[in-house]
N, C-alpha and C. Protein backbone atom coordinates (compact mmCIF):
# COMPACT_ATOMS: atom_id res chain seq x y z
N MET A 1 27.19 9.47 -5.94
CA MET A 1 25.95 9.35 -5.23
C MET A 1 25.91 10.41 -4.14
N ASN A 2 24.98 11.33 -4.23
CA ASN A 2 24.80 12.36 -3.21
C ASN A 2 23.48 12.14 -2.51
N GLY A 3 23.47 12.35 -1.23
CA GLY A 3 22.23 12.21 -0.48
C GLY A 3 22.49 12.26 1.00
N THR A 4 21.46 12.63 1.71
CA THR A 4 21.53 12.65 3.16
C THR A 4 20.28 11.98 3.71
N ILE A 5 20.41 11.43 4.89
CA ILE A 5 19.28 10.85 5.58
C ILE A 5 19.33 11.31 7.03
N ALA A 6 18.18 11.37 7.66
CA ALA A 6 18.10 11.69 9.08
C ALA A 6 17.57 10.45 9.80
N LEU A 7 18.22 10.09 10.87
CA LEU A 7 17.82 8.93 11.64
C LEU A 7 17.29 9.39 12.99
N ASN A 8 16.25 8.73 13.45
CA ASN A 8 15.67 9.02 14.75
C ASN A 8 16.29 8.07 15.77
N SER A 9 16.51 8.56 16.97
CA SER A 9 17.13 7.71 18.01
C SER A 9 16.24 6.53 18.38
N GLU A 10 14.97 6.55 18.02
CA GLU A 10 14.08 5.42 18.28
C GLU A 10 14.51 4.17 17.51
N LEU A 11 15.32 4.35 16.47
CA LEU A 11 15.83 3.21 15.71
C LEU A 11 16.65 2.29 16.61
N MET A 12 17.27 2.86 17.64
CA MET A 12 18.07 2.04 18.56
C MET A 12 17.19 1.06 19.34
N GLN A 13 15.89 1.31 19.44
CA GLN A 13 14.97 0.43 20.15
C GLN A 13 14.50 -0.72 19.27
N ASN A 14 14.72 -0.61 17.96
CA ASN A 14 14.29 -1.64 17.02
C ASN A 14 15.34 -2.75 16.97
N LYS A 15 14.87 -3.98 16.73
CA LYS A 15 15.79 -5.13 16.67
C LYS A 15 16.81 -5.01 15.54
N VAL A 16 16.48 -4.24 14.48
CA VAL A 16 17.42 -4.09 13.37
C VAL A 16 18.76 -3.50 13.86
N PHE A 17 18.71 -2.72 14.91
CA PHE A 17 19.90 -2.08 15.45
C PHE A 17 20.86 -3.11 16.05
N ASP A 18 20.35 -4.26 16.48
CA ASP A 18 21.16 -5.28 17.13
C ASP A 18 21.92 -6.19 16.16
N TYR A 19 21.60 -6.14 14.88
CA TYR A 19 22.20 -7.04 13.89
C TYR A 19 22.90 -6.21 12.82
N ALA A 20 24.21 -6.35 12.73
CA ALA A 20 25.02 -5.52 11.84
C ALA A 20 24.60 -5.64 10.38
N GLU A 21 24.32 -6.87 9.90
CA GLU A 21 23.96 -7.05 8.49
C GLU A 21 22.64 -6.33 8.17
N ARG A 22 21.66 -6.47 9.05
CA ARG A 22 20.36 -5.83 8.82
C ARG A 22 20.49 -4.30 8.86
N PHE A 23 21.24 -3.81 9.85
CA PHE A 23 21.40 -2.37 9.99
C PHE A 23 22.14 -1.79 8.78
N LYS A 24 23.19 -2.47 8.36
CA LYS A 24 23.97 -2.02 7.20
C LYS A 24 23.09 -1.97 5.95
N LEU A 25 22.30 -3.00 5.73
CA LEU A 25 21.43 -3.05 4.56
C LEU A 25 20.34 -1.98 4.65
N TYR A 26 19.78 -1.77 5.83
CA TYR A 26 18.73 -0.76 6.00
C TYR A 26 19.26 0.64 5.68
N ILE A 27 20.44 0.96 6.18
CA ILE A 27 21.05 2.27 5.90
C ILE A 27 21.34 2.41 4.41
N LEU A 28 21.86 1.36 3.78
CA LEU A 28 22.12 1.38 2.34
C LEU A 28 20.83 1.64 1.57
N LEU A 29 19.76 0.94 1.94
CA LEU A 29 18.48 1.13 1.26
C LEU A 29 17.95 2.55 1.43
N LEU A 30 18.11 3.11 2.63
CA LEU A 30 17.67 4.49 2.84
C LEU A 30 18.45 5.46 1.95
N LEU A 31 19.74 5.21 1.80
CA LEU A 31 20.56 6.08 0.95
C LEU A 31 20.20 5.92 -0.53
N LEU A 32 19.81 4.72 -0.92
CA LEU A 32 19.45 4.47 -2.32
C LEU A 32 18.03 4.89 -2.66
N ALA A 33 17.18 5.02 -1.64
CA ALA A 33 15.75 5.31 -1.87
C ALA A 33 15.58 6.63 -2.60
N SER A 34 14.72 6.59 -3.58
CA SER A 34 14.46 7.78 -4.38
C SER A 34 12.97 7.91 -4.62
N PRO A 35 12.35 9.01 -4.19
CA PRO A 35 10.93 9.19 -4.47
C PRO A 35 10.66 9.41 -5.95
N GLN A 36 11.69 9.66 -6.75
CA GLN A 36 11.51 9.86 -8.19
C GLN A 36 11.38 8.55 -8.95
N GLN A 37 11.77 7.42 -8.36
CA GLN A 37 11.69 6.12 -9.03
C GLN A 37 10.27 5.57 -8.90
N VAL A 38 9.36 6.11 -9.67
CA VAL A 38 7.96 5.69 -9.62
C VAL A 38 7.68 4.79 -10.82
N PRO A 39 7.02 3.65 -10.61
CA PRO A 39 6.73 2.76 -11.73
C PRO A 39 5.83 3.42 -12.77
N ALA A 40 5.81 2.84 -13.97
CA ALA A 40 5.05 3.41 -15.09
C ALA A 40 3.57 3.55 -14.78
N ASP A 41 3.01 2.62 -13.99
CA ASP A 41 1.58 2.71 -13.69
C ASP A 41 1.29 3.69 -12.55
N ASN A 42 2.34 4.31 -12.00
CA ASN A 42 2.22 5.38 -11.00
C ASN A 42 1.39 4.93 -9.79
N THR A 43 1.62 3.72 -9.31
CA THR A 43 0.82 3.18 -8.21
C THR A 43 1.23 3.69 -6.84
N THR A 44 2.41 4.25 -6.72
CA THR A 44 2.86 4.70 -5.41
C THR A 44 3.76 5.92 -5.53
N THR A 45 3.78 6.72 -4.51
CA THR A 45 4.72 7.84 -4.45
C THR A 45 5.60 7.71 -3.21
N ARG A 46 5.53 6.57 -2.53
CA ARG A 46 6.40 6.33 -1.39
C ARG A 46 7.84 6.17 -1.86
N PRO A 47 8.80 6.60 -1.04
CA PRO A 47 10.20 6.36 -1.42
C PRO A 47 10.42 4.86 -1.62
N GLN A 48 11.18 4.54 -2.65
CA GLN A 48 11.39 3.15 -2.98
C GLN A 48 12.74 2.93 -3.64
N VAL A 49 13.15 1.68 -3.67
CA VAL A 49 14.38 1.26 -4.34
C VAL A 49 14.00 0.12 -5.27
N ILE A 50 14.32 0.26 -6.54
CA ILE A 50 14.12 -0.80 -7.52
C ILE A 50 15.50 -1.37 -7.81
N THR A 51 15.72 -2.62 -7.42
CA THR A 51 17.06 -3.20 -7.48
C THR A 51 16.96 -4.71 -7.59
N SER A 52 18.05 -5.39 -7.32
CA SER A 52 18.07 -6.84 -7.29
C SER A 52 18.90 -7.30 -6.09
N THR A 53 18.70 -8.54 -5.72
CA THR A 53 19.46 -9.09 -4.60
C THR A 53 20.95 -9.08 -4.89
N SER A 54 21.31 -9.40 -6.12
CA SER A 54 22.74 -9.44 -6.46
C SER A 54 23.35 -8.04 -6.42
N LYS A 55 22.63 -7.03 -6.84
CA LYS A 55 23.14 -5.67 -6.79
C LYS A 55 23.30 -5.21 -5.34
N LEU A 56 22.32 -5.53 -4.49
CA LEU A 56 22.43 -5.18 -3.08
C LEU A 56 23.59 -5.93 -2.43
N SER A 57 23.81 -7.15 -2.85
CA SER A 57 24.91 -7.95 -2.34
C SER A 57 26.25 -7.28 -2.67
N THR A 58 26.38 -6.83 -3.90
CA THR A 58 27.62 -6.17 -4.33
C THR A 58 27.83 -4.86 -3.59
N LEU A 59 26.79 -4.05 -3.48
CA LEU A 59 26.91 -2.74 -2.83
C LEU A 59 27.17 -2.85 -1.33
N SER A 60 26.63 -3.87 -0.70
CA SER A 60 26.74 -3.98 0.76
C SER A 60 27.86 -4.90 1.22
N SER A 61 28.49 -5.61 0.30
CA SER A 61 29.52 -6.60 0.63
C SER A 61 28.97 -7.73 1.50
N LEU A 62 27.68 -7.99 1.37
CA LEU A 62 27.05 -9.13 2.04
C LEU A 62 26.82 -10.21 1.00
N THR A 63 26.66 -11.44 1.44
CA THR A 63 26.34 -12.51 0.50
C THR A 63 24.87 -12.39 0.09
N PRO A 64 24.50 -12.94 -1.06
CA PRO A 64 23.09 -12.90 -1.45
C PRO A 64 22.16 -13.51 -0.40
N LYS A 65 22.60 -14.57 0.27
CA LYS A 65 21.78 -15.18 1.32
C LYS A 65 21.60 -14.22 2.50
N GLN A 66 22.66 -13.52 2.88
CA GLN A 66 22.56 -12.54 3.96
C GLN A 66 21.61 -11.41 3.58
N VAL A 67 21.65 -10.99 2.31
CA VAL A 67 20.76 -9.93 1.84
C VAL A 67 19.31 -10.40 1.91
N ARG A 68 19.03 -11.61 1.42
CA ARG A 68 17.66 -12.14 1.46
C ARG A 68 17.15 -12.26 2.89
N ASN A 69 18.00 -12.77 3.79
CA ASN A 69 17.60 -12.90 5.18
C ASN A 69 17.37 -11.55 5.84
N ALA A 70 18.24 -10.58 5.54
CA ALA A 70 18.08 -9.25 6.11
C ALA A 70 16.82 -8.57 5.58
N LEU A 71 16.54 -8.73 4.29
CA LEU A 71 15.32 -8.15 3.72
C LEU A 71 14.08 -8.77 4.38
N ARG A 72 14.11 -10.08 4.59
CA ARG A 72 12.99 -10.76 5.26
C ARG A 72 12.78 -10.21 6.67
N ALA A 73 13.89 -10.04 7.41
CA ALA A 73 13.81 -9.55 8.78
C ALA A 73 13.33 -8.09 8.82
N LEU A 74 13.81 -7.27 7.89
CA LEU A 74 13.37 -5.87 7.83
C LEU A 74 11.89 -5.78 7.50
N GLN A 75 11.43 -6.68 6.64
CA GLN A 75 10.02 -6.70 6.28
C GLN A 75 9.17 -7.14 7.48
N LYS A 76 9.62 -8.15 8.19
CA LYS A 76 8.89 -8.62 9.38
C LYS A 76 8.81 -7.54 10.45
N SER A 77 9.84 -6.71 10.55
CA SER A 77 9.86 -5.65 11.56
C SER A 77 9.00 -4.46 11.16
N GLY A 78 8.54 -4.45 9.91
CA GLY A 78 7.67 -3.37 9.45
C GLY A 78 8.39 -2.14 8.94
N LEU A 79 9.71 -2.21 8.81
CA LEU A 79 10.46 -1.05 8.32
C LEU A 79 10.36 -0.89 6.81
N ILE A 80 10.23 -1.99 6.10
CA ILE A 80 10.14 -1.95 4.64
C ILE A 80 9.06 -2.90 4.16
N GLU A 81 8.68 -2.72 2.90
CA GLU A 81 7.81 -3.67 2.21
C GLU A 81 8.56 -4.12 0.96
N VAL A 82 8.64 -5.42 0.76
CA VAL A 82 9.39 -5.97 -0.38
C VAL A 82 8.41 -6.57 -1.38
N VAL A 83 8.53 -6.13 -2.63
CA VAL A 83 7.72 -6.67 -3.72
C VAL A 83 8.69 -7.24 -4.74
N THR A 84 8.62 -8.55 -4.96
CA THR A 84 9.54 -9.19 -5.89
C THR A 84 8.82 -9.60 -7.17
N SER A 85 9.56 -9.60 -8.25
CA SER A 85 9.07 -10.12 -9.52
C SER A 85 10.23 -10.87 -10.17
N HIS A 86 9.98 -11.42 -11.32
CA HIS A 86 11.06 -12.14 -12.00
C HIS A 86 12.11 -11.19 -12.57
N ARG A 87 11.79 -9.90 -12.63
CA ARG A 87 12.73 -8.93 -13.19
C ARG A 87 13.52 -8.16 -12.14
N ASN A 88 12.88 -7.83 -11.02
CA ASN A 88 13.57 -7.01 -10.02
C ASN A 88 12.91 -7.15 -8.65
N THR A 89 13.48 -6.45 -7.69
CA THR A 89 12.93 -6.38 -6.34
C THR A 89 12.68 -4.91 -6.05
N THR A 90 11.46 -4.60 -5.61
CA THR A 90 11.12 -3.23 -5.25
C THR A 90 10.96 -3.18 -3.74
N ILE A 91 11.66 -2.23 -3.11
CA ILE A 91 11.59 -2.06 -1.68
C ILE A 91 10.92 -0.72 -1.40
N LEU A 92 9.80 -0.77 -0.68
CA LEU A 92 9.05 0.44 -0.34
C LEU A 92 9.25 0.78 1.13
N PHE A 93 9.31 2.05 1.43
CA PHE A 93 9.45 2.51 2.81
C PHE A 93 8.15 3.07 3.31
């Protein structure tokens, strides 16, 4: 996996910075985000991650419950948008 991300120091003002699980998951999602992963109907060109809670749990070494809670908190803070279906979870930035 190759990739780089740039972080703005304003992230330190966000509540996500105060919680290790949320911050860890957010950084993981940024590293996984790919603007090339566009759905077949081409509805968006925003960077996104198409994954599952269990896969995020494995990659982040967090429990599935911690991943769900962190995703909920990140969504409430406005950093991500989560779209779930019975097949996968899509995270938009």
